[in-house]
Every structure is written in C-alpha cells, then in structure tokens.
C-alpha cells in the first residue's frame, strides 16, 4: 500500500468521526482518532477471522459425520479406514460455504489494516493526512459548495456521509493540494467507495469528480 493511499484511507477514517464543526478539532484529536480507529478495525478483523475459523470447523465436522455415517463406511470393519464417498451439495452446506467465502473475503482486509497501522506511524503518511485535514478545515465551505453545485438533484445534507467525505478528500486534493495526478486521485476515491460505501457509490462519486475536473481543474 502506497503512503498516499494509506493517508487517504486514514483521513477518511478521521472524517467519519468528525462532527459538523471540524474547526473544534486539533492535530492531537486527529491522531487519537486514527489510533482508536485502527484498533477498532483490527478488533473487527479478528472477529471476522474467528467466524471464519468456526465456519470451517463446522463444515469439516459436517463432512466427517457424513462420511462416517455413509452406508458404505458403516458396512466396513470397525478398524478399517473410511473410503471417500460422493456427497450431495445440500442447502446447509451451500449456506456454510457462502458464509465462509464471504467472511474469508472480509478477512483479507486484515492485511490492509495491519499495513495501515504500521503506515499510520510514518512521518510522510502523517504529513499528508494533516495536509488533507488542514486543507478541508480551511476550505470546507468552498469544497462543500462544489459538491452541492455539482450534485445536481441531490440534497447534500441527505447524501451518505461516507460519500461526502470521500468527495471532500478528493476535491481537496484536486483543487487545492494538487500533489497527485488527477487520475490517481479519482481512482483511489473510487476504491475507497467500493471498500466502504454502497454499490451505487462509485458511480455517483465518479460522476461528481468528472464534473469537478471538467469545471474546475
């Protein structure tokens, strides 16, 4: 994970905890928010891994019981090893497999979280987080004004907060920080939307940022 990508994701975590008045927070508050959030993410990932382990254990027990109690194995001598048997994909097994696949996918995020927790302590990551936060603190009226202007047909107050925060970070970078290529800023905003928001969010955010580039960049 690149430092800038980590900075954007950690900034988004901070934004998610900020109330309407960003000006009442200082850098120490933001640092504590990052630390607390990374700890929460790690705890959540540990819970997901526990669920995955439990699901795999249950599935293994189901397979073992099915094999042990199959008529072909029940007919074998007590000291003989089981022979493999055909097993139908029951609805229960399908449920368990789907659950395990879902949890396994979520558990992969533990790798990102571990990396985020390390990167959060690096000076270049912290500097860019502070640059994003500082820019939004100074330009929040302008940035929110751009969102309101370009989100035609949408009430900015009713947008998902996570979507607004992703847009705020991206617009701060595009219009005021200008340290990264436009394509990179947009692509990583879309990745954050895919990871943290709804299925419709990437399309919505892409449309707004395309207008930002067309009108302002």
C-alpha atoms as a PDB file:
ATOM      1  CA  UNK A   1       0.000   0.000   0.000  1.00  0.00           C
ATOM      2  CA  UNK A   2       1.468   3.338  -1.018  1.00  0.00           C
ATOM      3  CA  UNK A   3       1.882   6.085   1.569  1.00  0.00           C
ATOM      4  CA  UNK A   4      -0.568   8.432  -0.163  1.00  0.00           C
ATOM      5  CA  UNK A   5      -3.201   5.704  -0.408  1.00  0.00           C
ATOM      6  CA  UNK A   6      -2.801   4.988   3.303  1.00  0.00           C
ATOM      7  CA  UNK A   7      -3.067   8.721   4.044  1.00  0.00           C
ATOM      8  CA  UNK A   8      -6.366   8.981   2.148  1.00  0.00           C
ATOM      9  CA  UNK A   9      -7.834   5.945   3.884  1.00  0.00           C
ATOM     10  CA  UNK A  10      -6.747   7.127   7.325  1.00  0.00           C
ATOM     11  CA  UNK A  11      -8.054  10.624   6.565  1.00  0.00           C
ATOM     12  CA  UNK A  12     -11.403   9.041   5.647  1.00  0.00           C
ATOM     13  CA  UNK A  13     -11.422   7.232   8.996  1.00  0.00           C
ATOM     14  CA  UNK A  14     -10.854  10.578  10.718  1.00  0.00           C
ATOM     15  CA  UNK A  15     -13.575  12.296   8.664  1.00  0.00           C
ATOM     16  CA  UNK A  16     -16.056   9.592   9.681  1.00  0.00           C
ATOM     17  CA  UNK A  17     -15.647  10.638  13.323  1.00  0.00           C
ATOM     18  CA  UNK A  18     -15.771  14.398  12.829  1.00  0.00           C
ATOM     19  CA  UNK A  19     -18.975  16.281  13.579  1.00  0.00           C
ATOM     20  CA  UNK A  20     -20.256  19.204  11.562  1.00  0.00           C
ATOM     21  CA  UNK A  21     -17.770  21.663  13.126  1.00  0.00           C
ATOM     22  CA  UNK A  22     -14.332  20.484  12.013  1.00  0.00           C
ATOM     23  CA  UNK A  23     -12.718  23.605  13.466  1.00  0.00           C
ATOM     24  CA  UNK A  24     -13.073  22.432  17.056  1.00  0.00           C
ATOM     25  CA  UNK A  25     -10.615  19.575  16.496  1.00  0.00           C
ATOM     26  CA  UNK A  26      -6.817  19.826  16.640  1.00  0.00           C
ATOM     27  CA  UNK A  27      -3.988  17.602  15.391  1.00  0.00           C
ATOM     28  CA  UNK A  28      -3.820  15.681  18.671  1.00  0.00           C
ATOM     29  CA  UNK A  29      -7.523  14.855  18.338  1.00  0.00           C
ATOM     30  CA  UNK A  30      -6.948  13.580  14.802  1.00  0.00           C
ATOM     31  CA  UNK A  31      -4.019  11.430  15.952  1.00  0.00           C
ATOM     32  CA  UNK A  32      -6.144   9.822  18.663  1.00  0.00           C
ATOM     33  CA  UNK A  33      -8.924   9.206  16.133  1.00  0.00           C
ATOM     34  CA  UNK A  34      -6.534   7.332  13.845  1.00  0.00           C
ATOM     35  CA  UNK A  35      -5.144   5.239  16.692  1.00  0.00           C
ATOM     36  CA  UNK A  36      -8.595   4.379  18.016  1.00  0.00           C
ATOM     37  CA  UNK A  37      -9.924   3.575  14.559  1.00  0.00           C
ATOM     38  CA  UNK A  38      -7.039   1.285  13.629  1.00  0.00           C
ATOM     39  CA  UNK A  39      -7.529  -0.590  16.906  1.00  0.00           C
ATOM     40  CA  UNK A  40     -11.234  -0.969  16.160  1.00  0.00           C
ATOM     41  CA  UNK A  41     -10.515  -2.201  12.614  1.00  0.00           C
ATOM     42  CA  UNK A  42      -8.025  -4.749  13.934  1.00  0.00           C
ATOM     43  CA  UNK A  43     -10.562  -5.974  16.502  1.00  0.00           C
ATOM     44  CA  UNK A  44     -13.231  -6.284  13.800  1.00  0.00           C
ATOM     45  CA  UNK A  45     -10.864  -8.271  11.587  1.00  0.00           C
ATOM     46  CA  UNK A  46     -10.032 -10.589  14.486  1.00  0.00           C
ATOM     47  CA  UNK A  47     -13.752 -11.198  14.976  1.00  0.00           C
ATOM     48  CA  UNK A  48     -14.161 -11.981  11.259  1.00  0.00           C
ATOM     49  CA  UNK A  49     -11.265 -14.455  11.361  1.00  0.00           C
ATOM     50  CA  UNK A  50     -12.845 -16.155  14.404  1.00  0.00           C
ATOM     51  CA  UNK A  51     -16.119 -16.524  12.499  1.00  0.00           C
ATOM     52  CA  UNK A  52     -14.215 -17.938   9.511  1.00  0.00           C
ATOM     53  CA  UNK A  53     -12.406 -20.475  11.708  1.00  0.00           C
ATOM     54  CA  UNK A  54     -15.656 -21.529  13.360  1.00  0.00           C
ATOM     55  CA  UNK A  55     -17.379 -21.897   9.983  1.00  0.00           C
ATOM     56  CA  UNK A  56     -14.583 -24.063   8.621  1.00  0.00           C
ATOM     57  CA  UNK A  57     -14.655 -26.225  11.755  1.00  0.00           C
ATOM     58  CA  UNK A  58     -18.418 -26.742  11.418  1.00  0.00           C
ATOM     59  CA  UNK A  59     -18.091 -27.619   7.740  1.00  0.00           C
ATOM     60  CA  UNK A  60     -15.309 -30.117   8.459  1.00  0.00           C
ATOM     61  CA  UNK A  61     -17.428 -31.730  11.182  1.00  0.00           C
ATOM     62  CA  UNK A  62     -20.352 -31.991   8.766  1.00  0.00           C
ATOM     63  CA  UNK A  63     -18.178 -33.661   6.102  1.00  0.00           C
ATOM     64  CA  UNK A  64     -16.624 -36.044   8.619  1.00  0.00           C
ATOM     65  CA  UNK A  65     -20.023 -37.071  10.008  1.00  0.00           C
ATOM     66  CA  UNK A  66     -21.431 -37.546   6.519  1.00  0.00           C
ATOM     67  CA  UNK A  67     -18.530 -39.795   5.565  1.00  0.00           C
ATOM     68  CA  UNK A  68     -18.567 -41.769   8.833  1.00  0.00           C
ATOM     69  CA  UNK A  69     -22.303 -42.415   8.637  1.00  0.00           C
ATOM     70  CA  UNK A  70     -22.458 -43.255   4.954  1.00  0.00           C
ATOM     71  CA  UNK A  71     -23.780 -46.821   4.398  1.00  0.00           C
ATOM     72  CA  UNK A  72     -20.602 -47.846   2.540  1.00  0.00           C
ATOM     73  CA  UNK A  73     -18.431 -46.939   5.532  1.00  0.00           C
ATOM     74  CA  UNK A  74     -20.851 -48.281   8.127  1.00  0.00           C
ATOM     75  CA  UNK A  75     -20.590 -51.654   6.361  1.00  0.00           C
ATOM     76  CA  UNK A  76     -16.776 -51.707   6.626  1.00  0.00           C
ATOM     77  CA  UNK A  77     -14.844 -53.335   9.508  1.00  0.00           C
ATOM     78  CA  UNK A  78     -14.534 -51.124  12.600  1.00  0.00           C
ATOM     79  CA  UNK A  79     -10.732 -50.814  12.289  1.00  0.00           C
ATOM     80  CA  UNK A  80     -10.817 -50.010   8.546  1.00  0.00           C
ATOM     81  CA  UNK A  81     -10.222 -46.519   7.234  1.00  0.00           C
ATOM     82  CA  UNK A  82     -13.142 -44.730   5.662  1.00  0.00           C
ATOM     83  CA  UNK A  83     -13.344 -44.669   1.902  1.00  0.00           C
ATOM     84  CA  UNK A  84     -14.230 -41.412   0.055  1.00  0.00           C
ATOM     85  CA  UNK A  85     -17.922 -41.169  -0.772  1.00  0.00           C
ATOM     86  CA  UNK A  86     -19.964 -38.937  -3.025  1.00  0.00           C
ATOM     87  CA  UNK A  87     -21.657 -36.139  -1.155  1.00  0.00           C
ATOM     88  CA  UNK A  88     -24.543 -34.021  -2.460  1.00  0.00           C
ATOM     89  CA  UNK A  89     -24.287 -30.253  -2.099  1.00  0.00           C
ATOM     90  CA  UNK A  90     -27.049 -29.756   0.427  1.00  0.00           C
ATOM     91  CA  UNK A  91     -28.623 -26.372   1.106  1.00  0.00           C
ATOM     92  CA  UNK A  92     -26.978 -26.341   4.547  1.00  0.00           C
ATOM     93  CA  UNK A  93     -23.550 -26.946   3.062  1.00  0.00           C
ATOM     94  CA  UNK A  94     -24.151 -24.310   0.418  1.00  0.00           C
ATOM     95  CA  UNK A  95     -25.078 -21.840   3.160  1.00  0.00           C
ATOM     96  CA  UNK A  96     -21.940 -22.648   5.125  1.00  0.00           C
ATOM     97  CA  UNK A  97     -19.727 -22.355   2.056  1.00  0.00           C
ATOM     98  CA  UNK A  98     -21.233 -18.993   1.101  1.00  0.00           C
ATOM     99  CA  UNK A  99     -20.722 -17.731   4.654  1.00  0.00           C
ATOM    100  CA  UNK A 100     -17.115 -18.878   4.697  1.00  0.00           C
ATOM    101  CA  UNK A 101     -16.401 -17.291   1.316  1.00  0.00           C
ATOM    102  CA  UNK A 102     -17.943 -14.008   2.471  1.00  0.00           C
ATOM    103  CA  UNK A 103     -16.020 -13.962   5.739  1.00  0.00           C
ATOM    104  CA  UNK A 104     -12.789 -15.011   4.010  1.00  0.00           C
ATOM    105  CA  UNK A 105     -13.100 -12.036   1.666  1.00  0.00           C
ATOM    106  CA  UNK A 106     -13.631  -9.679   4.600  1.00  0.00           C
ATOM    107  CA  UNK A 107     -10.753 -11.261   6.489  1.00  0.00           C
ATOM    108  CA  UNK A 108      -8.359 -10.304   3.711  1.00  0.00           C
ATOM    109  CA  UNK A 109      -8.880  -6.719   4.813  1.00  0.00           C
ATOM    110  CA  UNK A 110      -6.906  -7.634   7.941  1.00  0.00           C
ATOM    111  CA  UNK A 111      -3.788  -7.398   5.782  1.00  0.00           C
ATOM    112  CA  UNK A 112      -4.697  -3.832   4.828  1.00  0.00           C
ATOM    113  CA  UNK A 113      -5.458  -2.961   8.437  1.00  0.00           C
ATOM    114  CA  UNK A 114      -2.119  -4.307   9.621  1.00  0.00           C
ATOM    115  CA  UNK A 115      -0.376  -2.269   6.959  1.00  0.00           C
ATOM    116  CA  UNK A 116      -2.421   0.826   7.793  1.00  0.00           C
ATOM    117  CA  UNK A 117      -1.492   0.530  11.451  1.00  0.00           C
ATOM    118  CA  UNK A 118       2.203   0.498  10.533  1.00  0.00           C
ATOM    119  CA  UNK A 119       1.935   3.255   7.957  1.00  0.00           C
ATOM    120  CA  UNK A 120      -0.051   5.482  10.319  1.00  0.00           C
ATOM    121  CA  UNK A 121       3.145   5.998  12.293  1.00  0.00           C
ATOM    122  CA  UNK A 122       5.252   7.071   9.313  1.00  0.00           C
ATOM    123  CA  UNK A 123       6.024  10.760   9.098  1.00  0.00           C
ATOM    124  CA  UNK A 124       5.202  11.148   5.381  1.00  0.00           C
ATOM    125  CA  UNK A 125       1.812   9.485   5.906  1.00  0.00           C
ATOM    126  CA  UNK A 126       1.034  11.696   8.896  1.00  0.00           C
ATOM    127  CA  UNK A 127       2.112  14.803   6.985  1.00  0.00           C
ATOM    128  CA  UNK A 128      -0.230  14.058   4.098  1.00  0.00           C
ATOM    129  CA  UNK A 129      -3.117  13.237   6.452  1.00  0.00           C
ATOM    130  CA  UNK A 130      -2.602  16.596   8.155  1.00  0.00           C
ATOM    131  CA  UNK A 131      -2.390  18.320   4.767  1.00  0.00           C
ATOM    132  CA  UNK A 132      -5.766  16.853   3.739  1.00  0.00           C
ATOM    133  CA  UNK A 133      -7.386  17.721   7.071  1.00  0.00           C
ATOM    134  CA  UNK A 134      -5.856  21.211   7.186  1.00  0.00           C
ATOM    135  CA  UNK A 135      -6.977  21.917   3.608  1.00  0.00           C
ATOM    136  CA  UNK A 136     -10.541  20.880   4.339  1.00  0.00           C
ATOM    137  CA  UNK A 137     -10.589  22.891   7.596  1.00  0.00           C
ATOM    138  CA  UNK A 138      -9.537  25.999   5.673  1.00  0.00           C
ATOM    139  CA  UNK A 139     -11.630  25.398   2.546  1.00  0.00           C
ATOM    140  CA  UNK A 140     -14.606  23.420   3.828  1.00  0.00           C
ATOM    141  CA  UNK A 141     -17.202  25.963   2.710  1.00  0.00           C
ATOM    142  CA  UNK A 142     -15.750  26.043  -0.816  1.00  0.00           C
ATOM    143  CA  UNK A 143     -15.382  22.263  -1.033  1.00  0.00           C
ATOM    144  CA  UNK A 144     -18.903  21.563   0.213  1.00  0.00           C
ATOM    145  CA  UNK A 145     -20.141  24.291  -2.125  1.00  0.00           C
ATOM    146  CA  UNK A 146     -18.604  22.471  -5.096  1.00  0.00           C
ATOM    147  CA  UNK A 147     -20.295  19.222  -4.049  1.00  0.00           C
ATOM    148  CA  UNK A 148     -23.635  20.974  -3.624  1.00  0.00           C
ATOM    149  CA  UNK A 149     -23.296  22.688  -7.008  1.00  0.00           C
ATOM    150  CA  UNK A 150     -22.336  19.582  -8.949  1.00  0.00           C
ATOM    151  CA  UNK A 151     -24.530  17.019  -7.189  1.00  0.00           C
ATOM    152  CA  UNK A 152     -27.486  18.070  -9.304  1.00  0.00           C
ATOM    153  CA  UNK A 153     -30.745  16.704  -7.972  1.00  0.00           C
ATOM    154  CA  UNK A 154     -29.158  15.571  -4.716  1.00  0.00           C
ATOM    155  CA  UNK A 155     -29.623  17.174  -1.295  1.00  0.00           C
ATOM    156  CA  UNK A 156     -26.084  17.380   0.097  1.00  0.00           C
ATOM    157  CA  UNK A 157     -27.422  17.072   3.640  1.00  0.00           C
ATOM    158  CA  UNK A 158     -29.015  13.736   2.753  1.00  0.00           C
ATOM    159  CA  UNK A 159     -26.056  12.161   0.962  1.00  0.00           C
ATOM    160  CA  UNK A 160     -24.313   9.277   2.696  1.00  0.00           C
ATOM    161  CA  UNK A 161     -21.702  10.846   4.976  1.00  0.00           C
ATOM    162  CA  UNK A 162     -19.049   8.404   3.769  1.00  0.00           C
ATOM    163  CA  UNK A 163     -19.679   9.504   0.162  1.00  0.00           C
ATOM    164  CA  UNK A 164     -19.450  13.184   1.106  1.00  0.00           C
ATOM    165  CA  UNK A 165     -16.213  12.531   2.998  1.00  0.00           C
ATOM    166  CA  UNK A 166     -14.663  10.681   0.051  1.00  0.00           C
ATOM    167  CA  UNK A 167     -15.630  13.594  -2.214  1.00  0.00           C
ATOM    168  CA  UNK A 168     -14.252  16.124   0.278  1.00  0.00           C
ATOM    169  CA  UNK A 169     -10.866  14.413   0.360  1.00  0.00           C
ATOM    170  CA  UNK A 170     -10.690  14.057  -3.426  1.00  0.00           C
ATOM    171  CA  UNK A 171     -11.797  17.648  -4.102  1.00  0.00           C
ATOM    172  CA  UNK A 172      -9.331  18.983  -1.524  1.00  0.00           C
ATOM    173  CA  UNK A 173      -6.588  17.168  -3.426  1.00  0.00           C
ATOM    174  CA  UNK A 174      -7.784  18.119  -6.905  1.00  0.00           C
ATOM    175  CA  UNK A 175      -8.423  21.812  -6.304  1.00  0.00           C
ATOM    176  CA  UNK A 176      -6.090  22.861  -3.515  1.00  0.00           C
ATOM    177  CA  UNK A 177      -3.319  20.358  -2.718  1.00  0.00           C
ATOM    178  CA  UNK A 178      -2.562  19.360  -6.327  1.00  0.00           C
ATOM    179  CA  UNK A 179       0.259  16.993  -5.349  1.00  0.00           C
ATOM    180  CA  UNK A 180      -1.053  13.903  -7.160  1.00  0.00           C
ATOM    181  CA  UNK A 181      -2.180  13.162 -10.739  1.00  0.00           C
ATOM    182  CA  UNK A 182      -5.902  13.687 -11.331  1.00  0.00           C
ATOM    183  CA  UNK A 183      -6.413  10.075 -12.429  1.00  0.00           C
ATOM    184  CA  UNK A 184      -4.771   8.727  -9.272  1.00  0.00           C
ATOM    185  CA  UNK A 185      -6.936  10.893  -7.007  1.00  0.00           C
ATOM    186  CA  UNK A 186     -10.136   9.790  -8.768  1.00  0.00           C
ATOM    187  CA  UNK A 187      -9.172   6.117  -8.974  1.00  0.00           C
ATOM    188  CA  UNK A 188      -8.361   5.968  -5.274  1.00  0.00           C
ATOM    189  CA  UNK A 189     -11.565   7.800  -4.353  1.00  0.00           C
ATOM    190  CA  UNK A 190     -13.458   5.087  -6.248  1.00  0.00           C
ATOM    191  CA  UNK A 191     -11.520   2.359  -4.428  1.00  0.00           C
ATOM    192  CA  UNK A 192     -12.491   3.899  -1.081  1.00  0.00           C
ATOM    193  CA  UNK A 193     -16.126   3.993  -2.211  1.00  0.00           C
ATOM    194  CA  UNK A 194     -16.017   0.317  -3.229  1.00  0.00           C
ATOM    195  CA  UNK A 195     -14.445  -0.637   0.078  1.00  0.00           C
ATOM    196  CA  UNK A 196     -16.511   1.440   2.485  1.00  0.00           C
ATOM    197  CA  UNK A 197     -19.776   2.527   0.839  1.00  0.00           C
ATOM    198  CA  UNK A 198     -22.693   1.193  -1.206  1.00  0.00           C
ATOM    199  CA  UNK A 199     -22.698  -0.494  -4.619  1.00  0.00           C
ATOM    200  CA  UNK A 200     -24.047   2.696  -6.210  1.00  0.00           C
ATOM    201  CA  UNK A 201     -21.474   4.998  -4.589  1.00  0.00           C
ATOM    202  CA  UNK A 202     -18.531   4.522  -7.003  1.00  0.00           C
ATOM    203  CA  UNK A 203     -20.690   5.544  -9.978  1.00  0.00           C
ATOM    204  CA  UNK A 204     -22.069   8.576  -8.124  1.00  0.00           C
ATOM    205  CA  UNK A 205     -18.631   9.700  -6.920  1.00  0.00           C
ATOM    206  CA  UNK A 206     -17.079   9.165 -10.343  1.00  0.00           C
ATOM    207  CA  UNK A 207     -19.774  11.354 -11.913  1.00  0.00           C
ATOM    208  CA  UNK A 208     -19.212  14.201  -9.428  1.00  0.00           C
ATOM    209  CA  UNK A 209     -15.422  14.092  -9.727  1.00  0.00           C
ATOM    210  CA  UNK A 210     -15.633  14.035 -13.534  1.00  0.00           C
ATOM    211  CA  UNK A 211     -17.634  17.273 -13.323  1.00  0.00           C
ATOM    212  CA  UNK A 212     -15.081  18.736 -10.887  1.00  0.00           C
ATOM    213  CA  UNK A 213     -12.289  18.069 -13.367  1.00  0.00           C
ATOM    214  CA  UNK A 214     -14.331  19.428 -16.277  1.00  0.00           C
ATOM    215  CA  UNK A 215     -15.382  22.631 -14.493  1.00  0.00           C
ATOM    216  CA  UNK A 216     -12.541  23.457 -12.135  1.00  0.00           C
ATOM    217  CA  UNK A 217      -9.311  21.657 -12.990  1.00  0.00           C
END
